[in-house]
């Protein structure tokens, strides 16, 4: 078992190194590595889905330096938009500032949405992003650009706190949209994925050499 775990870890490290090479064209200036950022191989898997699936209306829960790279990709392609929702004020401020500095405000926007008790949470006192703020921001985004065709769930936090993402956002997901969830190898996230599968008819698979689970919204 130890050797298998080592082999898997080594495969992921090699996949990350390969992914960093592929990301080279987007590394136009230095970005810090932030806690919670997608690993390079996972970020490349998201970008592949954007390009191969022709995704243009993106929503991301939880942001970081990887959000700036996604925005650079959208600008490089010449179409597509990204709405990022982040509960950590410092993180949201950094990403928003970086987007402004790089002139990416026309393709990406960050919303600081503090955590609060949420009716869709699994536990009685469970928290998620502020309900009214998320509703208003997502509604305005969809009215402007159309239904969401890619949802990336990488926040908030740990445990089952990510569960409300689909109960809240399922209505704005386009038929055939892609749902991606990071940290899918953690037990609590696996519970959430199972609930989503049962309640929304999603079949998740793991992107090779990543902890990213991927599913397609039924047409």
C-alpha atoms as a PDB file:
ATOM      1  CA  UNK A   1       0.000   0.000   0.000  1.00  0.00           C
ATOM      2  CA  UNK A   2       2.855   2.368   0.826  1.00  0.00           C
ATOM      3  CA  UNK A   3       4.442   1.835  -2.576  1.00  0.00           C
ATOM      4  CA  UNK A   4       1.116   2.437  -4.307  1.00  0.00           C
ATOM      5  CA  UNK A   5       0.677   5.709  -2.414  1.00  0.00           C
ATOM      6  CA  UNK A   6       4.230   6.714  -3.334  1.00  0.00           C
ATOM      7  CA  UNK A   7       3.627   5.860  -6.996  1.00  0.00           C
ATOM      8  CA  UNK A   8       0.443   7.938  -6.991  1.00  0.00           C
ATOM      9  CA  UNK A   9       2.184  10.899  -5.339  1.00  0.00           C
ATOM     10  CA  UNK A  10       5.044  10.701  -7.830  1.00  0.00           C
ATOM     11  CA  UNK A  11       2.603  10.551 -10.751  1.00  0.00           C
ATOM     12  CA  UNK A  12       0.894  13.689  -9.481  1.00  0.00           C
ATOM     13  CA  UNK A  13       4.191  15.505  -9.041  1.00  0.00           C
ATOM     14  CA  UNK A  14       5.214  14.632 -12.587  1.00  0.00           C
ATOM     15  CA  UNK A  15       1.801  15.687 -13.869  1.00  0.00           C
ATOM     16  CA  UNK A  16       2.210  19.041 -12.113  1.00  0.00           C
ATOM     17  CA  UNK A  17       5.641  19.554 -13.679  1.00  0.00           C
ATOM     18  CA  UNK A  18       4.241  18.808 -17.131  1.00  0.00           C
ATOM     19  CA  UNK A  19       1.315  21.139 -16.470  1.00  0.00           C
ATOM     20  CA  UNK A  20       3.645  23.979 -15.463  1.00  0.00           C
ATOM     21  CA  UNK A  21       5.308  23.726 -18.860  1.00  0.00           C
ATOM     22  CA  UNK A  22       1.931  23.910 -20.591  1.00  0.00           C
ATOM     23  CA  UNK A  23       1.025  26.974 -18.529  1.00  0.00           C
ATOM     24  CA  UNK A  24       4.151  28.767 -19.701  1.00  0.00           C
ATOM     25  CA  UNK A  25       2.405  30.987 -22.228  1.00  0.00           C
ATOM     26  CA  UNK A  26       0.160  32.356 -19.459  1.00  0.00           C
ATOM     27  CA  UNK A  27       2.989  33.157 -17.025  1.00  0.00           C
ATOM     28  CA  UNK A  28       3.324  36.740 -18.182  1.00  0.00           C
ATOM     29  CA  UNK A  29       4.250  38.031 -14.728  1.00  0.00           C
ATOM     30  CA  UNK A  30       4.900  36.636 -11.262  1.00  0.00           C
ATOM     31  CA  UNK A  31       2.014  35.328  -9.172  1.00  0.00           C
ATOM     32  CA  UNK A  32       2.360  34.029  -5.602  1.00  0.00           C
ATOM     33  CA  UNK A  33       1.405  30.472  -4.726  1.00  0.00           C
ATOM     34  CA  UNK A  34      -1.583  30.824  -2.421  1.00  0.00           C
ATOM     35  CA  UNK A  35      -3.108  28.317  -0.031  1.00  0.00           C
ATOM     36  CA  UNK A  36      -6.057  26.642  -1.677  1.00  0.00           C
ATOM     37  CA  UNK A  37      -4.833  27.320  -5.221  1.00  0.00           C
ATOM     38  CA  UNK A  38      -5.510  24.576  -7.733  1.00  0.00           C
ATOM     39  CA  UNK A  39      -2.513  22.357  -8.349  1.00  0.00           C
ATOM     40  CA  UNK A  40      -1.042  22.891 -11.844  1.00  0.00           C
ATOM     41  CA  UNK A  41      -2.381  19.604 -13.259  1.00  0.00           C
ATOM     42  CA  UNK A  42      -5.882  20.388 -11.974  1.00  0.00           C
ATOM     43  CA  UNK A  43      -5.717  23.915 -13.400  1.00  0.00           C
ATOM     44  CA  UNK A  44      -4.682  22.538 -16.795  1.00  0.00           C
ATOM     45  CA  UNK A  45      -7.603  20.079 -16.651  1.00  0.00           C
ATOM     46  CA  UNK A  46      -9.963  23.016 -16.047  1.00  0.00           C
ATOM     47  CA  UNK A  47      -8.403  24.967 -18.916  1.00  0.00           C
ATOM     48  CA  UNK A  48      -8.661  21.964 -21.234  1.00  0.00           C
ATOM     49  CA  UNK A  49     -12.370  21.766 -20.456  1.00  0.00           C
ATOM     50  CA  UNK A  50     -12.769  25.478 -21.165  1.00  0.00           C
ATOM     51  CA  UNK A  51     -11.049  25.188 -24.536  1.00  0.00           C
ATOM     52  CA  UNK A  52     -12.267  21.776 -25.707  1.00  0.00           C
ATOM     53  CA  UNK A  53     -15.786  22.346 -24.394  1.00  0.00           C
ATOM     54  CA  UNK A  54     -15.920  25.933 -25.704  1.00  0.00           C
ATOM     55  CA  UNK A  55     -17.008  27.153 -22.262  1.00  0.00           C
ATOM     56  CA  UNK A  56     -17.727  30.867 -22.091  1.00  0.00           C
ATOM     57  CA  UNK A  57     -19.744  31.588 -18.906  1.00  0.00           C
ATOM     58  CA  UNK A  58     -17.714  30.470 -15.894  1.00  0.00           C
ATOM     59  CA  UNK A  59     -18.446  30.624 -12.166  1.00  0.00           C
ATOM     60  CA  UNK A  60     -15.750  29.801  -9.639  1.00  0.00           C
ATOM     61  CA  UNK A  61     -16.305  29.304  -5.912  1.00  0.00           C
ATOM     62  CA  UNK A  62     -13.064  30.132  -4.140  1.00  0.00           C
ATOM     63  CA  UNK A  63     -10.386  32.173  -5.902  1.00  0.00           C
ATOM     64  CA  UNK A  64      -6.617  32.602  -5.950  1.00  0.00           C
ATOM     65  CA  UNK A  65      -3.704  33.043  -8.328  1.00  0.00           C
ATOM     66  CA  UNK A  66      -5.214  30.332 -10.521  1.00  0.00           C
ATOM     67  CA  UNK A  67      -8.162  32.670 -11.105  1.00  0.00           C
ATOM     68  CA  UNK A  68      -5.822  35.203 -12.690  1.00  0.00           C
ATOM     69  CA  UNK A  69      -4.431  32.500 -14.975  1.00  0.00           C
ATOM     70  CA  UNK A  70      -7.966  31.542 -16.008  1.00  0.00           C
ATOM     71  CA  UNK A  71      -8.677  35.190 -16.786  1.00  0.00           C
ATOM     72  CA  UNK A  72      -5.470  35.388 -18.856  1.00  0.00           C
ATOM     73  CA  UNK A  73      -6.632  32.358 -20.844  1.00  0.00           C
ATOM     74  CA  UNK A  74     -10.020  33.941 -21.529  1.00  0.00           C
ATOM     75  CA  UNK A  75      -8.384  37.159 -22.663  1.00  0.00           C
ATOM     76  CA  UNK A  76      -5.953  35.231 -24.848  1.00  0.00           C
ATOM     77  CA  UNK A  77      -8.856  33.386 -26.488  1.00  0.00           C
ATOM     78  CA  UNK A  78     -10.774  36.615 -27.031  1.00  0.00           C
ATOM     79  CA  UNK A  79     -14.071  35.492 -25.480  1.00  0.00           C
ATOM     80  CA  UNK A  80     -15.546  34.133 -22.248  1.00  0.00           C
ATOM     81  CA  UNK A  81     -16.159  35.528 -18.769  1.00  0.00           C
ATOM     82  CA  UNK A  82     -15.380  34.452 -15.211  1.00  0.00           C
ATOM     83  CA  UNK A  83     -17.227  35.294 -11.994  1.00  0.00           C
ATOM     84  CA  UNK A  84     -15.289  34.326  -8.842  1.00  0.00           C
ATOM     85  CA  UNK A  85     -16.895  34.251  -5.406  1.00  0.00           C
ATOM     86  CA  UNK A  86     -14.568  34.327  -2.390  1.00  0.00           C
ATOM     87  CA  UNK A  87     -15.278  34.575   1.351  1.00  0.00           C
ATOM     88  CA  UNK A  88     -11.779  35.653   2.416  1.00  0.00           C
ATOM     89  CA  UNK A  89     -11.591  39.424   2.085  1.00  0.00           C
ATOM     90  CA  UNK A  90      -7.804  39.567   1.741  1.00  0.00           C
ATOM     91  CA  UNK A  91      -7.766  36.904  -0.967  1.00  0.00           C
ATOM     92  CA  UNK A  92     -10.595  38.567  -2.881  1.00  0.00           C
ATOM     93  CA  UNK A  93      -8.851  41.946  -2.670  1.00  0.00           C
ATOM     94  CA  UNK A  94      -5.566  40.542  -3.974  1.00  0.00           C
ATOM     95  CA  UNK A  95      -7.149  38.793  -6.958  1.00  0.00           C
ATOM     96  CA  UNK A  96      -9.343  41.793  -7.793  1.00  0.00           C
ATOM     97  CA  UNK A  97      -6.308  44.093  -7.632  1.00  0.00           C
ATOM     98  CA  UNK A  98      -4.267  41.792  -9.864  1.00  0.00           C
ATOM     99  CA  UNK A  99      -7.078  41.606 -12.412  1.00  0.00           C
ATOM    100  CA  UNK A 100      -7.228  45.420 -12.514  1.00  0.00           C
ATOM    101  CA  UNK A 101      -3.441  45.725 -12.844  1.00  0.00           C
ATOM    102  CA  UNK A 102      -3.426  43.373 -15.812  1.00  0.00           C
ATOM    103  CA  UNK A 103      -6.436  44.924 -17.518  1.00  0.00           C
ATOM    104  CA  UNK A 104      -8.512  41.772 -17.106  1.00  0.00           C
ATOM    105  CA  UNK A 105     -11.567  43.437 -15.632  1.00  0.00           C
ATOM    106  CA  UNK A 106     -13.562  42.947 -18.826  1.00  0.00           C
ATOM    107  CA  UNK A 107     -13.275  39.151 -18.624  1.00  0.00           C
ATOM    108  CA  UNK A 108     -13.178  38.422 -14.885  1.00  0.00           C
ATOM    109  CA  UNK A 109     -14.772  39.743 -11.722  1.00  0.00           C
ATOM    110  CA  UNK A 110     -14.268  38.822  -8.061  1.00  0.00           C
ATOM    111  CA  UNK A 111     -17.014  39.177  -5.475  1.00  0.00           C
ATOM    112  CA  UNK A 112     -16.242  39.140  -1.767  1.00  0.00           C
ATOM    113  CA  UNK A 113     -19.089  37.171  -0.176  1.00  0.00           C
ATOM    114  CA  UNK A 114     -18.651  36.544   3.576  1.00  0.00           C
ATOM    115  CA  UNK A 115     -19.819  33.249   5.011  1.00  0.00           C
ATOM    116  CA  UNK A 116     -23.113  33.155   6.866  1.00  0.00           C
ATOM    117  CA  UNK A 117     -25.691  30.599   7.946  1.00  0.00           C
ATOM    118  CA  UNK A 118     -27.275  29.148   4.856  1.00  0.00           C
ATOM    119  CA  UNK A 119     -30.602  27.311   4.439  1.00  0.00           C
ATOM    120  CA  UNK A 120     -29.119  24.864   1.929  1.00  0.00           C
ATOM    121  CA  UNK A 121     -26.307  23.729   4.247  1.00  0.00           C
ATOM    122  CA  UNK A 122     -26.267  20.092   5.332  1.00  0.00           C
ATOM    123  CA  UNK A 123     -25.849  20.917   9.010  1.00  0.00           C
ATOM    124  CA  UNK A 124     -28.225  23.120  10.964  1.00  0.00           C
ATOM    125  CA  UNK A 125     -25.677  25.858  11.539  1.00  0.00           C
ATOM    126  CA  UNK A 126     -23.734  25.295   8.337  1.00  0.00           C
ATOM    127  CA  UNK A 127     -22.309  28.291   6.514  1.00  0.00           C
ATOM    128  CA  UNK A 128     -21.927  29.188   2.875  1.00  0.00           C
ATOM    129  CA  UNK A 129     -21.543  32.403   0.904  1.00  0.00           C
ATOM    130  CA  UNK A 130     -23.983  35.178   1.839  1.00  0.00           C
ATOM    131  CA  UNK A 131     -27.254  34.090   0.138  1.00  0.00           C
ATOM    132  CA  UNK A 132     -28.646  37.414  -1.095  1.00  0.00           C
ATOM    133  CA  UNK A 133     -25.295  38.674  -2.332  1.00  0.00           C
ATOM    134  CA  UNK A 134     -24.654  35.487  -4.304  1.00  0.00           C
ATOM    135  CA  UNK A 135     -28.195  35.505  -5.701  1.00  0.00           C
ATOM    136  CA  UNK A 136     -27.928  39.090  -6.894  1.00  0.00           C
ATOM    137  CA  UNK A 137     -24.430  38.719  -8.353  1.00  0.00           C
ATOM    138  CA  UNK A 138     -25.126  35.448 -10.167  1.00  0.00           C
ATOM    139  CA  UNK A 139     -28.502  36.637 -11.448  1.00  0.00           C
ATOM    140  CA  UNK A 140     -26.958  39.796 -12.897  1.00  0.00           C
ATOM    141  CA  UNK A 141     -24.112  37.775 -14.414  1.00  0.00           C
ATOM    142  CA  UNK A 142     -26.476  35.297 -16.071  1.00  0.00           C
ATOM    143  CA  UNK A 143     -28.775  38.039 -17.354  1.00  0.00           C
ATOM    144  CA  UNK A 144     -25.771  39.651 -19.011  1.00  0.00           C
ATOM    145  CA  UNK A 145     -23.902  36.636 -20.421  1.00  0.00           C
ATOM    146  CA  UNK A 146     -26.305  33.677 -20.384  1.00  0.00           C
ATOM    147  CA  UNK A 147     -26.503  30.427 -18.439  1.00  0.00           C
ATOM    148  CA  UNK A 148     -23.365  29.138 -16.720  1.00  0.00           C
ATOM    149  CA  UNK A 149     -21.615  26.423 -18.747  1.00  0.00           C
ATOM    150  CA  UNK A 150     -18.754  25.727 -16.301  1.00  0.00           C
ATOM    151  CA  UNK A 151     -18.908  25.677 -12.505  1.00  0.00           C
ATOM    152  CA  UNK A 152     -15.691  25.196 -10.542  1.00  0.00           C
ATOM    153  CA  UNK A 153     -16.179  24.418  -6.840  1.00  0.00           C
ATOM    154  CA  UNK A 154     -13.002  25.023  -4.841  1.00  0.00           C
ATOM    155  CA  UNK A 155     -14.496  26.649  -1.750  1.00  0.00           C
ATOM    156  CA  UNK A 156     -15.411  27.446   0.861  1.00  0.00           C
ATOM    157  CA  UNK A 157     -13.261  25.610   3.356  1.00  0.00           C
ATOM    158  CA  UNK A 158     -13.494  21.956   4.214  1.00  0.00           C
ATOM    159  CA  UNK A 159     -15.954  19.301   5.292  1.00  0.00           C
ATOM    160  CA  UNK A 160     -19.428  19.424   3.807  1.00  0.00           C
ATOM    161  CA  UNK A 161     -19.396  23.235   3.507  1.00  0.00           C
ATOM    162  CA  UNK A 162     -19.339  23.047  -0.300  1.00  0.00           C
ATOM    163  CA  UNK A 163     -22.616  21.166  -0.584  1.00  0.00           C
ATOM    164  CA  UNK A 164     -24.873  24.240  -1.180  1.00  0.00           C
ATOM    165  CA  UNK A 165     -23.123  24.986  -4.492  1.00  0.00           C
ATOM    166  CA  UNK A 166     -25.467  22.818  -6.538  1.00  0.00           C
ATOM    167  CA  UNK A 167     -28.715  23.398  -4.619  1.00  0.00           C
ATOM    168  CA  UNK A 168     -28.121  27.130  -5.083  1.00  0.00           C
ATOM    169  CA  UNK A 169     -26.703  27.239  -8.604  1.00  0.00           C
ATOM    170  CA  UNK A 170     -28.297  24.272 -10.395  1.00  0.00           C
ATOM    171  CA  UNK A 171     -31.042  26.489 -11.860  1.00  0.00           C
ATOM    172  CA  UNK A 172     -28.515  28.672 -13.698  1.00  0.00           C
ATOM    173  CA  UNK A 173     -26.443  25.812 -15.145  1.00  0.00           C
ATOM    174  CA  UNK A 174     -26.897  25.275 -18.865  1.00  0.00           C
ATOM    175  CA  UNK A 175     -27.775  21.800 -20.167  1.00  0.00           C
ATOM    176  CA  UNK A 176     -24.461  20.062 -20.824  1.00  0.00           C
ATOM    177  CA  UNK A 177     -22.564  22.377 -18.453  1.00  0.00           C
ATOM    178  CA  UNK A 178     -19.459  21.020 -16.742  1.00  0.00           C
ATOM    179  CA  UNK A 179     -19.204  20.850 -12.956  1.00  0.00           C
ATOM    180  CA  UNK A 180     -15.699  20.504 -11.486  1.00  0.00           C
ATOM    181  CA  UNK A 181     -14.975  19.995  -7.795  1.00  0.00           C
ATOM    182  CA  UNK A 182     -11.471  20.106  -6.348  1.00  0.00           C
ATOM    183  CA  UNK A 183     -10.205  18.069  -3.369  1.00  0.00           C
ATOM    184  CA  UNK A 184     -12.401  15.146  -4.405  1.00  0.00           C
ATOM    185  CA  UNK A 185     -10.031  12.707  -2.707  1.00  0.00           C
ATOM    186  CA  UNK A 186     -10.988  13.963   0.772  1.00  0.00           C
ATOM    187  CA  UNK A 187     -13.664  11.928   2.607  1.00  0.00           C
ATOM    188  CA  UNK A 188     -15.965  14.877   3.335  1.00  0.00           C
ATOM    189  CA  UNK A 189     -15.879  16.011  -0.284  1.00  0.00           C
ATOM    190  CA  UNK A 190     -16.718  12.465  -1.355  1.00  0.00           C
ATOM    191  CA  UNK A 191     -19.850  12.651   0.797  1.00  0.00           C
ATOM    192  CA  UNK A 192     -20.819  15.880  -0.958  1.00  0.00           C
ATOM    193  CA  UNK A 193     -20.169  14.385  -4.405  1.00  0.00           C
ATOM    194  CA  UNK A 194     -22.334  11.384  -3.544  1.00  0.00           C
ATOM    195  CA  UNK A 195     -25.182  13.659  -2.465  1.00  0.00           C
ATOM    196  CA  UNK A 196     -24.878  15.718  -5.639  1.00  0.00           C
ATOM    197  CA  UNK A 197     -24.888  12.561  -7.746  1.00  0.00           C
ATOM    198  CA  UNK A 198     -28.020  11.242  -6.077  1.00  0.00           C
ATOM    199  CA  UNK A 199     -29.925  14.527  -6.036  1.00  0.00           C
ATOM    200  CA  UNK A 200     -28.937  16.020  -9.391  1.00  0.00           C
ATOM    201  CA  UNK A 201     -28.252  12.969 -11.550  1.00  0.00           C
ATOM    202  CA  UNK A 202     -24.559  13.730 -12.006  1.00  0.00           C
ATOM    203  CA  UNK A 203     -21.927  11.086 -12.733  1.00  0.00           C
ATOM    204  CA  UNK A 204     -18.536  12.238 -11.471  1.00  0.00           C
ATOM    205  CA  UNK A 205     -15.205  10.963 -12.715  1.00  0.00           C
ATOM    206  CA  UNK A 206     -11.727  11.933 -11.579  1.00  0.00           C
ATOM    207  CA  UNK A 207      -9.462  13.839 -13.933  1.00  0.00           C
ATOM    208  CA  UNK A 208      -6.286  11.730 -14.273  1.00  0.00           C
ATOM    209  CA  UNK A 209      -3.495  12.474 -11.765  1.00  0.00           C
ATOM    210  CA  UNK A 210      -5.530  15.174 -10.018  1.00  0.00           C
ATOM    211  CA  UNK A 211      -7.992  15.463  -7.150  1.00  0.00           C
ATOM    212  CA  UNK A 212     -10.513  17.081  -9.485  1.00  0.00           C
ATOM    213  CA  UNK A 213     -13.941  15.463  -9.961  1.00  0.00           C
ATOM    214  CA  UNK A 214     -15.751  16.241 -13.213  1.00  0.00           C
ATOM    215  CA  UNK A 215     -19.381  15.768 -14.237  1.00  0.00           C
ATOM    216  CA  UNK A 216     -21.716  16.931 -17.009  1.00  0.00           C
ATOM    217  CA  UNK A 217     -25.137  18.409 -16.268  1.00  0.00           C
ATOM    218  CA  UNK A 218     -27.837  16.328 -18.002  1.00  0.00           C
ATOM    219  CA  UNK A 219     -29.414  17.937 -21.052  1.00  0.00           C
END
